[in-house]
C-alpha atoms as a PDB file:
ATOM      1  CA  MET A   1      -0.422   6.920 -25.483  1.00  0.00           C
ATOM      2  CA  GLU A   2      -0.171  10.694 -25.520  1.00  0.00           C
ATOM      3  CA  ASP A   3       2.994  12.386 -24.300  1.00  0.00           C
ATOM      4  CA  ALA A   4       1.247  13.866 -21.265  1.00  0.00           C
ATOM      5  CA  HIS A   5       0.236  10.444 -19.999  1.00  0.00           C
ATOM      6  CA  TYR A   6       3.726   8.975 -19.681  1.00  0.00           C
ATOM      7  CA  GLY A   7       4.263  10.827 -16.407  1.00  0.00           C
ATOM      8  CA  LEU A   8       0.993   9.496 -15.044  1.00  0.00           C
ATOM      9  CA  ALA A   9       1.890   5.961 -16.105  1.00  0.00           C
ATOM     10  CA  ALA A  10       5.289   6.288 -14.415  1.00  0.00           C
ATOM     11  CA  ALA A  11       3.675   7.547 -11.200  1.00  0.00           C
ATOM     12  CA  ILE A  12       1.239   4.629 -11.191  1.00  0.00           C
ATOM     13  CA  LEU A  13       4.082   2.171 -11.806  1.00  0.00           C
ATOM     14  CA  VAL A  14       6.170   3.606  -8.948  1.00  0.00           C
ATOM     15  CA  SER A  15       3.230   3.597  -6.525  1.00  0.00           C
ATOM     16  CA  SER A  16       2.419  -0.009  -7.458  1.00  0.00           C
ATOM     17  CA  LEU A  17       6.012  -1.082  -6.866  1.00  0.00           C
ATOM     18  CA  LEU A  18       6.044   0.642  -3.474  1.00  0.00           C
ATOM     19  CA  SER A  19       2.809  -1.130  -2.546  1.00  0.00           C
ATOM     20  CA  VAL A  20       4.310  -4.500  -3.451  1.00  0.00           C
ATOM     21  CA  ILE A  21       7.403  -3.719  -1.378  1.00  0.00           C
ATOM     22  CA  TYR A  22       5.365  -2.679   1.664  1.00  0.00           C
ATOM     23  CA  ILE A  23       3.049  -5.684   1.465  1.00  0.00           C
ATOM     24  CA  GLY A  24       6.094  -7.926   1.038  1.00  0.00           C
ATOM     25  CA  ARG A  25       7.539  -6.517   4.244  1.00  0.00           C
ATOM     26  CA  VAL A  26       4.289  -7.231   6.095  1.00  0.00           C
ATOM     27  CA  VAL A  27       4.145 -10.802   4.771  1.00  0.00           C
ATOM     28  CA  GLU A  28       7.788 -11.311   5.743  1.00  0.00           C
ATOM     29  CA  ALA A  29       7.157 -10.051   9.279  1.00  0.00           C
ATOM     30  CA  LEU A  30       4.030 -12.174   9.682  1.00  0.00           C
ATOM     31  CA  TYR A  31       5.163 -15.466   8.221  1.00  0.00           C
ATOM     32  CA  PHE A  32       8.932 -15.662   7.965  1.00  0.00           C
ATOM     33  CA  ARG A  33      10.359 -14.037  11.093  1.00  0.00           C
ATOM     34  CA  ASP A  34      10.603 -15.713  14.458  1.00  0.00           C
ATOM     35  CA  PRO A  35       8.267 -14.201  17.041  1.00  0.00           C
ATOM     36  CA  ALA A  36       9.770 -11.832  19.563  1.00  0.00           C
ATOM     37  CA  ASP A  37      10.402 -13.188  23.043  1.00  0.00           C
ATOM     38  CA  ASP A  38       7.686 -11.699  25.220  1.00  0.00           C
ATOM     39  CA  ASP A  39       6.919 -12.218  28.834  1.00  0.00           C
ATOM     40  CA  GLY A  40       3.227 -12.389  27.947  1.00  0.00           C
ATOM     41  CA  LYS A  41       2.368  -8.987  29.379  1.00  0.00           C
ATOM     42  CA  THR A  42       0.869  -6.322  27.153  1.00  0.00           C
ATOM     43  CA  ALA A  43       0.260  -2.757  28.162  1.00  0.00           C
ATOM     44  CA  GLU A  44      -3.071  -1.025  27.747  1.00  0.00           C
ATOM     45  CA  ALA A  45      -3.279   1.614  25.045  1.00  0.00           C
ATOM     46  CA  PRO A  46      -3.068   5.245  26.182  1.00  0.00           C
ATOM     47  CA  VAL A  47      -6.354   6.936  27.041  1.00  0.00           C
ATOM     48  CA  SER A  48      -5.970   9.427  24.183  1.00  0.00           C
ATOM     49  CA  MET A  49      -5.716   6.568  21.671  1.00  0.00           C
ATOM     50  CA  VAL A  50      -8.710   4.735  23.112  1.00  0.00           C
ATOM     51  CA  ALA A  51     -10.772   7.947  23.098  1.00  0.00           C
ATOM     52  CA  ALA A  52      -9.826   8.716  19.493  1.00  0.00           C
ATOM     53  CA  THR A  53     -10.759   5.180  18.474  1.00  0.00           C
ATOM     54  CA  TRP A  54     -14.199   5.466  20.072  1.00  0.00           C
ATOM     55  CA  VAL A  55     -14.777   8.861  18.441  1.00  0.00           C
ATOM     56  CA  LEU A  56     -13.998   7.339  15.043  1.00  0.00           C
ATOM     57  CA  VAL A  57     -16.235   4.336  15.768  1.00  0.00           C
ATOM     58  CA  GLY A  58     -19.082   6.693  16.695  1.00  0.00           C
ATOM     59  CA  ALA A  59     -18.534   8.789  13.559  1.00  0.00           C
ATOM     60  CA  SER A  60     -18.582   5.667  11.387  1.00  0.00           C
ATOM     61  CA  VAL A  61     -21.832   4.458  12.936  1.00  0.00           C
ATOM     62  CA  ALA A  62     -23.423   7.915  12.678  1.00  0.00           C
ATOM     63  CA  LEU A  63     -22.428   8.298   9.019  1.00  0.00           C
ATOM     64  CA  GLY A  64     -23.734   4.814   8.317  1.00  0.00           C
ATOM     65  CA  LEU A  65     -27.109   5.536   9.897  1.00  0.00           C
ATOM     66  CA  TYR A  66     -27.512   9.133   8.704  1.00  0.00           C
ATOM     67  CA  ALA A  67     -25.779   9.118   5.341  1.00  0.00           C
ATOM     68  CA  SER A  68     -28.289  11.247   3.435  1.00  0.00           C
ATOM     69  CA  PRO A  69     -26.615  14.647   4.144  1.00  0.00           C
ATOM     70  CA  LEU A  70     -23.270  13.243   3.045  1.00  0.00           C
ATOM     71  CA  VAL A  71     -24.760  11.665  -0.081  1.00  0.00           C
ATOM     72  CA  GLU A  72     -26.585  14.890  -0.993  1.00  0.00           C
ATOM     73  CA  THR A  73     -23.373  16.892  -0.611  1.00  0.00           C
ATOM     74  CA  ALA A  74     -21.492  14.390  -2.779  1.00  0.00           C
ATOM     75  CA  GLU A  75     -24.238  14.547  -5.436  1.00  0.00           C
ATOM     76  CA  ARG A  76     -24.079  18.363  -5.506  1.00  0.00           C
ATOM     77  CA  ALA A  77     -20.300  18.255  -5.794  1.00  0.00           C
ATOM     78  CA  ALA A  78     -20.436  15.698  -8.616  1.00  0.00           C
ATOM     79  CA  ALA A  79     -23.077  17.724 -10.452  1.00  0.00           C
ATOM     80  CA  GLY A  80     -20.941  20.836 -10.126  1.00  0.00           C
ATOM     81  CA  LEU A  81     -17.834  19.064 -11.380  1.00  0.00           C
ATOM     82  CA  LEU A  82     -19.618  17.449 -14.299  1.00  0.00           C
ATOM     83  CA  GLY A  83     -21.221  20.752 -15.296  1.00  0.00           C
ATOM     84  CA  SER A  84     -24.822  19.661 -15.081  1.00  0.00           C
ATOM     85  CA  GLY A  85     -25.668  22.367 -12.557  1.00  0.00           C
ATOM     86  CA  ALA A  86     -26.765  22.111  -8.970  1.00  0.00           C
END
């Protein structure tokens, strides 16, 4: 391995360890902790959060149905980065 790649390998190792720690915390919360005592009532999400969610849902559907402009832009960017012209 070249000297310049040791830093990259260390960064990948640290990010992988952090991912394992975070996923371990989620698994612990889901399977090993006692559930919180609730009275069964849940509050509705704020209107701003619901609106943002629906905007993102609409954007996902629109990009799924009309993906050609996005794909063309990505192809031009890839061609420019790879040096094959646009």
